[in-house]
Protein backbone atom coordinates (compact mmCIF):
# COMPACT_ATOMS: atom_id res chain seq x y z
CA MET A 1 181.56 142.30 -65.50
CA LYS A 2 178.32 141.97 -67.36
CA ILE A 3 175.32 143.05 -65.23
CA LEU A 4 171.61 142.72 -66.12
CA LEU A 5 169.30 144.99 -64.02
CA ALA A 6 165.46 144.64 -64.17
CA ASN A 7 162.41 146.66 -62.75
CA ASN A 8 159.02 146.70 -64.09
CA VAL A 9 158.79 150.54 -64.58
CA CYS A 10 161.57 152.66 -65.64
CA TYR A 11 162.50 155.94 -66.89
CA PRO A 12 160.96 157.81 -68.79
CA TYR A 13 157.68 156.13 -68.26
CA GLU A 14 157.56 156.44 -64.41
CA ARG A 15 159.53 157.96 -61.47
CA GLY A 16 159.75 156.47 -58.07
CA GLY A 17 162.36 155.12 -55.51
CA ALA A 18 163.02 151.98 -57.37
CA GLU A 19 163.19 153.59 -60.71
CA GLU A 20 165.74 156.28 -59.47
CA MET A 21 167.79 153.57 -57.82
CA VAL A 22 167.90 151.47 -60.85
CA ARG A 23 168.84 154.19 -63.30
CA TYR A 24 171.51 155.42 -60.64
CA LEU A 25 172.99 151.84 -60.60
CA ALA A 26 172.94 151.49 -64.27
CA GLU A 27 174.80 154.75 -64.86
CA SER A 28 177.30 154.32 -62.03
CA TRP A 29 178.28 150.69 -62.89
CA SER A 30 178.61 151.53 -66.59
CA GLU A 31 180.94 154.46 -65.72
CA ALA A 32 182.95 152.04 -63.70
CA GLY A 33 183.46 149.98 -66.56
CA HIS A 34 180.86 147.31 -66.40
CA ARG A 35 178.53 146.36 -69.17
CA VAL A 36 175.03 146.89 -68.15
CA ILE A 37 171.56 146.10 -69.78
CA VAL A 38 168.24 147.21 -68.07
CA ALA A 39 165.10 145.23 -68.85
CA ALA A 40 161.85 147.07 -68.04
CA LEU A 41 158.22 147.46 -69.35
CA ALA A 42 156.74 150.08 -71.63
CA PRO A 43 153.16 151.11 -71.73
CA GLY A 44 151.15 148.90 -74.24
CA GLY A 45 150.18 149.92 -77.65
CA HIS A 46 153.60 150.10 -79.12
CA LYS A 47 153.81 148.57 -82.66
CA ILE A 48 156.70 146.36 -81.68
CA ASN A 49 157.31 144.06 -78.79
CA GLU A 50 160.70 145.19 -78.04
CA ILE A 51 161.96 148.76 -77.86
CA LYS A 52 165.79 149.32 -77.39
CA ASN A 53 166.89 152.50 -75.97
CA GLN A 54 170.70 152.98 -76.35
CA SER A 55 171.97 155.73 -73.97
CA SER A 56 175.54 156.85 -73.86
CA LEU A 57 176.32 154.53 -70.99
CA TYR A 58 173.93 151.46 -71.09
CA GLN A 59 171.25 149.87 -73.04
CA THR A 60 167.54 149.55 -71.89
CA VAL A 61 165.39 147.04 -73.32
CA TYR A 62 161.72 147.73 -73.02
CA TRP A 63 158.92 145.08 -73.30
CA SER A 64 155.35 146.32 -74.00
CA SER A 65 153.01 145.78 -71.44
CA ASN A 66 149.71 146.62 -69.87
CA TYR A 67 151.10 146.97 -66.57
CA TYR A 68 150.54 150.78 -66.56
CA ASN A 69 146.87 150.38 -67.07
CA LEU A 70 146.04 148.11 -64.27
CA SER A 71 144.37 150.69 -62.21
CA ASN A 72 141.74 151.42 -64.84
CA ILE A 73 140.63 147.67 -65.04
CA SER A 74 138.22 145.54 -62.83
CA GLN A 75 139.58 143.50 -60.06
CA TRP A 76 138.55 140.37 -61.78
CA ARG A 77 140.38 141.38 -64.83
CA ARG A 78 143.47 142.32 -62.78
CA PHE A 79 143.30 138.74 -61.28
CA ILE A 80 143.53 137.36 -64.81
CA TRP A 81 146.19 139.53 -65.88
CA HIS A 82 148.39 138.55 -62.94
CA LEU A 83 148.36 134.84 -63.68
CA PRO A 84 151.08 134.67 -66.11
CA ASP A 85 153.38 136.17 -63.39
CA TRP A 86 152.24 133.73 -60.79
CA LEU A 87 152.32 130.64 -63.04
CA GLY A 88 155.79 131.50 -64.26
CA PHE A 89 155.20 131.89 -68.10
CA ARG A 90 155.15 135.66 -68.56
CA ASN A 91 157.99 136.91 -70.81
CA TYR A 92 159.60 133.47 -70.44
CA PHE A 93 161.01 133.30 -73.79
CA ARG A 94 162.19 136.88 -73.81
CA TRP A 95 163.93 136.14 -70.44
CA ARG A 96 165.75 133.28 -71.94
CA LYS A 97 166.70 134.83 -74.95
CA ILE A 98 168.36 137.88 -73.09
CA LEU A 99 169.98 135.71 -70.60
CA LYS A 100 171.51 133.35 -73.10
CA LYS A 101 172.52 136.24 -75.46
CA PHE A 102 174.00 138.61 -73.03
CA LYS A 103 175.28 135.95 -70.49
CA PRO A 104 175.43 138.29 -67.51
CA ASP A 105 177.83 137.51 -64.68
CA ILE A 106 174.91 138.71 -62.27
CA VAL A 107 171.22 139.54 -62.57
CA VAL A 108 169.86 142.14 -59.99
CA LEU A 109 166.01 142.06 -60.01
CA ASN A 110 163.75 144.66 -58.52
CA ASN A 111 159.87 144.82 -58.95
CA LEU A 112 158.89 141.76 -60.91
CA THR A 113 155.16 142.23 -61.43
CA GLY A 114 154.54 142.11 -65.14
CA LEU A 115 158.26 141.10 -65.84
CA GLY A 116 157.57 137.55 -64.72
CA PHE A 117 158.34 135.71 -61.50
CA GLN A 118 160.29 132.69 -62.88
CA VAL A 119 163.48 134.81 -63.60
CA HIS A 120 165.29 133.43 -60.70
CA HIS A 121 164.58 129.80 -61.86
CA LEU A 122 165.91 130.50 -65.38
CA CYS A 123 169.04 131.96 -63.85
CA CYS A 124 169.56 129.02 -61.63
CA ARG A 125 169.30 126.60 -64.63
CA LEU A 126 171.82 128.65 -66.71
CA GLY A 127 174.30 129.01 -63.73
CA ILE A 128 173.80 132.80 -63.31
CA PRO A 129 173.64 134.20 -59.73
CA SER A 130 170.56 136.32 -59.17
CA VAL A 131 169.74 138.86 -56.52
CA GLN A 132 166.10 140.07 -55.60
CA VAL A 133 165.72 143.59 -54.09
CA VAL A 134 162.46 143.85 -52.22
CA HIS A 135 160.88 147.20 -52.25
CA ASP A 136 157.42 146.50 -50.83
CA VAL A 137 155.17 143.61 -49.73
CA GLN A 138 154.30 142.57 -53.32
CA TYR A 139 155.28 139.05 -52.67
CA LEU A 140 152.85 138.57 -49.86
CA GLN A 141 150.23 140.96 -51.28
CA PRO A 142 149.84 141.23 -55.17
CA SER A 143 149.10 144.95 -54.95
CA GLY A 144 152.15 145.62 -52.85
CA LEU A 145 150.02 147.77 -50.71
CA LEU A 146 149.30 146.99 -47.03
CA LEU A 147 146.93 149.23 -45.26
CA LEU A 148 146.82 149.95 -41.42
CA GLY A 149 144.37 147.66 -39.87
CA LYS A 150 144.48 145.19 -42.71
CA GLU A 151 147.59 143.33 -41.54
CA GLU A 152 145.77 140.02 -40.73
CA ALA A 153 144.49 139.69 -44.05
CA LEU A 154 148.03 138.38 -45.10
CA VAL A 155 147.72 135.31 -42.72
CA ASN A 156 144.03 134.63 -42.47
CA ASN A 157 143.11 134.73 -46.05
CA TRP A 158 143.47 131.30 -47.79
CA LEU A 159 144.11 133.24 -51.30
CA ALA A 160 146.91 135.14 -49.72
CA LYS A 161 148.40 131.78 -48.32
CA GLY A 162 148.31 130.35 -51.80
CA TYR A 163 149.89 133.46 -53.33
CA LYS A 164 152.59 133.38 -50.82
CA THR A 165 153.45 129.74 -51.45
CA LEU A 166 153.77 130.64 -55.24
CA THR A 167 156.09 133.58 -54.63
CA GLU A 168 158.22 131.58 -52.23
CA TYR A 169 158.67 128.93 -54.92
CA TRP A 170 159.61 131.33 -57.73
CA LEU A 171 161.97 133.53 -55.66
CA LYS A 172 163.57 130.79 -53.43
CA PRO A 173 166.58 130.54 -56.07
CA ALA A 174 167.73 134.03 -55.39
CA LYS A 175 171.35 134.01 -54.10
CA VAL A 176 170.64 137.09 -51.95
CA LEU A 177 167.42 139.08 -50.94
CA ILE A 178 167.96 142.79 -50.12
CA SER A 179 165.56 144.97 -48.03
CA PRO A 180 166.47 148.84 -47.74
CA SER A 181 164.59 148.70 -44.22
CA GLN A 182 164.86 146.51 -41.28
CA TRP A 183 161.07 146.85 -41.07
CA LEU A 184 160.38 145.14 -44.29
CA MET A 185 162.89 142.52 -43.69
CA ASP A 186 161.45 141.67 -40.29
CA PHE A 187 157.80 141.79 -41.92
CA TYR A 188 158.79 139.18 -44.50
CA GLN A 189 160.58 136.95 -42.10
CA HIS A 190 157.72 137.40 -39.41
CA HIS A 191 155.52 135.80 -42.08
CA ASN A 192 158.09 132.97 -42.68
CA TRP A 193 158.70 134.08 -46.33
CA LEU A 194 161.98 132.63 -47.38
CA LYS A 195 163.35 132.92 -43.80
CA ASP A 196 166.18 130.71 -44.57
CA ASN A 197 167.60 132.55 -47.54
CA CYS A 198 170.49 134.98 -47.22
CA TRP A 199 168.91 138.52 -46.41
CA LEU A 200 170.89 141.82 -46.44
CA LYS A 201 169.79 145.20 -45.28
CA LEU A 202 171.21 147.69 -47.87
CA GLY A 203 169.72 151.09 -48.27
CA ASN A 204 169.01 152.14 -51.73
CA PRO A 205 172.09 153.90 -53.40
CA LEU A 206 170.76 157.45 -54.47
CA LYS A 207 172.60 160.39 -55.79
CA ILE A 208 172.02 162.79 -52.87
CA HIS A 209 173.83 164.08 -49.91
CA LEU A 210 172.34 164.47 -46.57
CA SER A 211 172.13 167.74 -44.78
CA SER A 212 173.64 167.97 -41.29
CA ALA A 213 170.79 170.12 -40.09
CA TYR A 214 167.32 171.30 -41.33
CA ARG A 215 165.96 174.79 -41.80
CA LEU A 216 163.78 176.01 -38.94
CA PRO A 217 161.97 179.18 -39.87
CA ASN A 218 160.53 181.57 -37.30
CA GLN A 219 157.08 180.54 -38.16
CA LEU A 220 155.80 177.56 -39.84
CA ARG A 221 153.66 178.54 -42.70
CA GLN A 222 154.15 176.40 -45.73
CA ALA A 223 153.39 172.60 -45.68
CA LEU A 224 154.10 170.19 -48.58
CA PHE A 225 152.77 166.72 -49.62
CA VAL A 226 154.42 164.90 -52.46
CA GLY A 227 153.15 161.60 -53.69
CA GLN A 228 150.43 159.53 -55.40
CA LEU A 229 146.96 161.10 -54.99
CA THR A 230 145.35 158.06 -53.48
CA SER A 231 143.51 157.28 -50.20
CA ALA A 232 146.40 154.89 -49.17
CA LYS A 233 148.82 157.91 -49.22
CA GLY A 234 146.47 159.77 -46.83
CA ILE A 235 146.16 162.78 -48.98
CA ASP A 236 142.41 162.90 -48.90
CA TRP A 237 142.47 162.74 -45.14
CA LEU A 238 145.01 165.56 -44.91
CA ALA A 239 143.27 167.89 -47.31
CA GLY A 240 140.02 167.17 -45.75
CA GLN A 241 141.27 168.03 -42.29
CA TRP A 242 143.38 170.94 -43.26
CA SER A 243 140.75 173.60 -42.22
CA ASP A 244 140.29 171.91 -38.83
CA PHE A 245 144.04 171.88 -38.47
CA ASN A 246 144.23 175.64 -39.16
CA LYS A 247 141.60 176.18 -36.34
CA LEU A 248 143.93 174.15 -33.96
CA LEU A 249 146.88 176.38 -34.92
CA LEU A 250 144.93 179.61 -34.46
CA ALA A 251 143.61 178.44 -31.04
CA ALA A 252 147.19 177.82 -29.95
CA GLY A 253 148.38 181.26 -31.05
CA LEU A 254 150.09 180.03 -34.15
CA PRO A 255 149.83 181.19 -37.73
CA GLU A 256 147.65 179.38 -40.22
CA ALA A 257 149.63 177.40 -42.81
CA SER A 258 149.01 176.72 -46.50
CA LEU A 259 149.28 172.96 -47.86
CA THR A 260 150.93 172.55 -51.21
CA ILE A 261 150.05 169.18 -52.94
CA ILE A 262 152.33 167.67 -55.69
CA GLY A 263 151.30 164.46 -57.57
CA ASP A 264 148.90 162.80 -59.72
CA GLY A 265 146.17 160.00 -59.19
CA PRO A 266 142.54 159.23 -58.95
CA LEU A 267 141.88 161.73 -56.32
CA LEU A 268 143.03 164.59 -58.54
CA PRO A 269 139.17 165.74 -59.20
CA TYR A 270 138.16 165.43 -55.41
CA LEU A 271 141.42 167.62 -54.31
CA SER A 272 140.74 170.14 -57.13
CA ARG A 273 137.20 170.55 -55.53
CA GLU A 274 138.82 170.84 -52.00
CA ALA A 275 141.34 173.33 -53.18
CA SER A 276 138.61 175.53 -54.79
CA LEU A 277 136.84 175.74 -51.27
CA ASP A 278 140.08 176.38 -49.24
CA ASN A 279 142.43 178.99 -50.17
CA HIS A 280 144.95 177.41 -47.79
CA LEU A 281 145.21 174.47 -50.25
CA ARG A 282 147.12 174.56 -53.56
CA LEU A 283 147.36 171.74 -56.07
CA MET A 284 150.11 171.72 -58.48
CA GLY A 285 149.63 168.27 -60.08
CA ARG A 286 152.56 166.07 -61.12
CA LEU A 287 155.95 168.10 -61.56
CA GLU A 288 159.25 167.14 -63.05
CA HIS A 289 161.86 165.98 -60.47
CA ASP A 290 163.89 169.19 -60.34
CA MET A 291 160.78 171.23 -59.74
CA VAL A 292 159.79 168.88 -56.88
CA LEU A 293 163.23 169.46 -55.34
CA ASP A 294 162.60 173.35 -55.68
CA GLN A 295 159.42 173.03 -53.81
CA LEU A 296 161.20 171.11 -50.96
CA LYS A 297 163.66 173.84 -50.72
CA MET A 298 160.86 176.48 -50.33
CA ALA A 299 158.59 174.34 -47.94
CA ASP A 300 158.72 174.67 -44.25
CA VAL A 301 157.64 171.15 -43.54
CA LEU A 302 156.89 168.01 -45.59
CA ILE A 303 154.09 165.90 -44.41
CA VAL A 304 153.98 162.05 -45.08
CA PRO A 305 150.52 161.14 -43.88
CA SER A 306 150.20 157.61 -45.39
CA PHE A 307 147.70 154.97 -44.24
CA CYS A 308 149.64 152.33 -46.05
CA TYR A 309 152.96 150.70 -45.01
CA GLU A 310 155.82 152.34 -46.62
CA ASN A 311 159.24 150.67 -46.92
CA TRP A 312 161.99 153.51 -47.69
CA PRO A 313 160.38 156.52 -48.94
CA THR A 314 162.78 158.35 -51.14
CA ILE A 315 161.08 161.47 -50.69
CA LEU A 316 162.15 161.65 -47.02
CA LEU A 317 165.75 161.37 -48.28
CA GLU A 318 165.27 164.09 -50.70
CA ALA A 319 163.86 166.42 -48.25
CA ALA A 320 166.80 165.57 -46.17
CA SER A 321 169.07 166.54 -48.87
CA SER A 322 167.28 169.78 -49.45
CA GLY A 323 167.53 170.73 -45.72
CA SER A 324 163.73 170.50 -45.33
CA LEU A 325 161.79 169.32 -42.12
CA ALA A 326 159.51 166.55 -42.28
CA VAL A 327 156.69 165.15 -40.21
CA VAL A 328 156.07 161.57 -40.83
CA VAL A 329 153.45 158.76 -39.96
CA SER A 330 154.61 156.41 -37.17
CA HIS A 331 154.47 153.02 -38.80
CA GLY A 332 156.35 150.72 -41.21
CA GLY A 333 159.67 151.58 -42.88
CA ALA A 334 158.63 155.41 -43.12
CA LYS A 335 158.77 155.56 -39.23
CA GLU A 336 162.27 153.72 -39.21
CA LEU A 337 163.73 156.11 -42.05
CA ALA A 338 162.23 159.25 -40.38
CA GLU A 339 163.50 158.52 -36.95
CA ALA A 340 167.04 157.88 -38.38
CA LEU A 341 166.96 161.27 -40.33
CA GLY A 342 165.90 163.08 -37.20
CA TYR A 343 162.42 163.80 -37.95
CA LEU A 344 159.20 163.74 -35.89
CA THR A 345 156.34 161.26 -36.30
CA PHE A 346 152.69 161.31 -35.81
CA GLU A 347 149.82 158.74 -35.60
CA ALA A 348 148.17 158.29 -39.04
CA GLY A 349 144.76 159.78 -39.20
CA ASN A 350 145.16 161.47 -35.81
CA LEU A 351 144.96 165.27 -36.31
CA ASN A 352 145.81 166.09 -32.80
CA SER A 353 148.96 163.93 -33.00
CA LEU A 354 149.97 165.85 -36.31
CA PHE A 355 149.28 169.13 -34.47
CA ASN A 356 151.52 168.17 -31.52
CA ALA A 357 154.28 167.36 -33.83
CA TRP A 358 153.92 170.61 -35.66
CA SER A 359 153.61 172.59 -32.31
CA GLN A 360 156.90 171.00 -31.14
CA LEU A 361 158.71 172.42 -34.17
CA SER A 362 157.05 175.72 -33.64
CA LEU A 363 158.31 175.78 -29.90
CA ALA A 364 161.81 174.91 -31.21
CA ALA A 365 161.71 177.69 -33.77
CA ALA A 366 161.41 180.11 -30.89
CA LYS A 367 164.87 179.22 -29.75
CA LEU A 368 166.70 177.68 -32.66
CA THR A 369 167.54 178.40 -36.42
CA TYR A 370 167.94 174.70 -37.35
CA TRP A 371 166.69 171.32 -36.35
CA PRO A 372 169.46 168.60 -36.00
CA ALA A 373 169.56 165.87 -38.38
CA GLY A 374 169.71 162.26 -37.36
CA GLU A 375 172.92 160.13 -37.78
CA GLY A 376 171.47 156.75 -38.48
CA VAL A 377 171.22 156.66 -42.33
CA GLU A 378 174.34 155.49 -44.24
CA LEU A 379 173.99 155.98 -47.83
CA MET A 380 175.80 153.28 -50.01
CA THR A 381 177.78 154.18 -53.26
CA PRO A 382 176.75 151.99 -56.22
CA ASN A 383 180.25 150.44 -56.00
CA ASP A 384 179.96 149.49 -52.26
CA TYR A 385 176.51 148.17 -53.02
CA LEU A 386 177.74 145.87 -55.77
CA THR A 387 180.60 144.75 -53.53
CA LYS A 388 178.31 144.00 -50.77
CA ILE A 389 176.31 141.78 -53.26
CA LEU A 390 179.17 139.99 -54.71
CA GLN A 391 180.64 139.24 -51.14
CA ASN A 392 177.36 137.26 -50.21
CA ILE A 393 176.77 135.29 -53.45
CA SER A 394 180.25 133.83 -53.62
């Protein structure tokens, strides 16, 4: 079978849950005997428009794009940049060329921003079944970012309503819509977005094995944050409150804790200043994936303090695979996945709520040497994932 996979960002230019999933699917499906091509974006500035990367298993076609620089331009320029996606002509001829030349049996699309929203229509005209994997709220909110307290903006803003109409039109031909979390699927359907299409809840296939229990040290002393250094991820709140958090620990007779921060982003200078003022904060910047996994194995507790709605945070699965405890915000798909993995949750932006979760783990540590894992996460193999898709497009 010939399979065309697509995601706007891809290895080696950026790493996240969707990118890891696409890479794993491409490798596994190729090993199973399928012929796979991945279409993705490369940072702008390349001398040629197409860069073909031939791995030993599959081919990646990179299209040069300014997508990677969006955070550095004004809101008005971002609006102009998005128009080719919304109007359906970005990369139109590139898509038509690769679809006609490769003639895939199925097209599996992920994040489309920067690649072009019209792909499903092109596939439909050529008689090629296409599938859309939905990773966040980007088809209701262009940034893909939904903050706590801003939910109503999606329904009360006339621009948002117009954008919703456009994305519904462009993605309606998809044979199947896939969401890793029940929360995200319910969110889209609550807003009547392609409610009548075929939806599947399928967890992202990842190359990990979940632990049956998590390490529970005698005393919790090492906390860890991994993610983008932005306010939406809650890291400025967490770092700014860390000194007060340690005061709560001391008042309760618990040892102070250090917070290690891994990641990159616009808050890096602010966090560097905070770390220079508090010796319980350690900033490591961006690390390679293997080094992140090493830090997870050494940490006592991973903290996920996001002020935005997350869908299916891969870092939670990696923590569970490393046998690490985690304390996670109690909203969105992060809450759903955390509870399925057996992790405790807390209210975002509420220091006392975080302290209560930490205290619960500390009390358990006095009696137990491990924390039981949840039983609600079923990790799919790439072949099972493909089988489910094929069963629902026939």
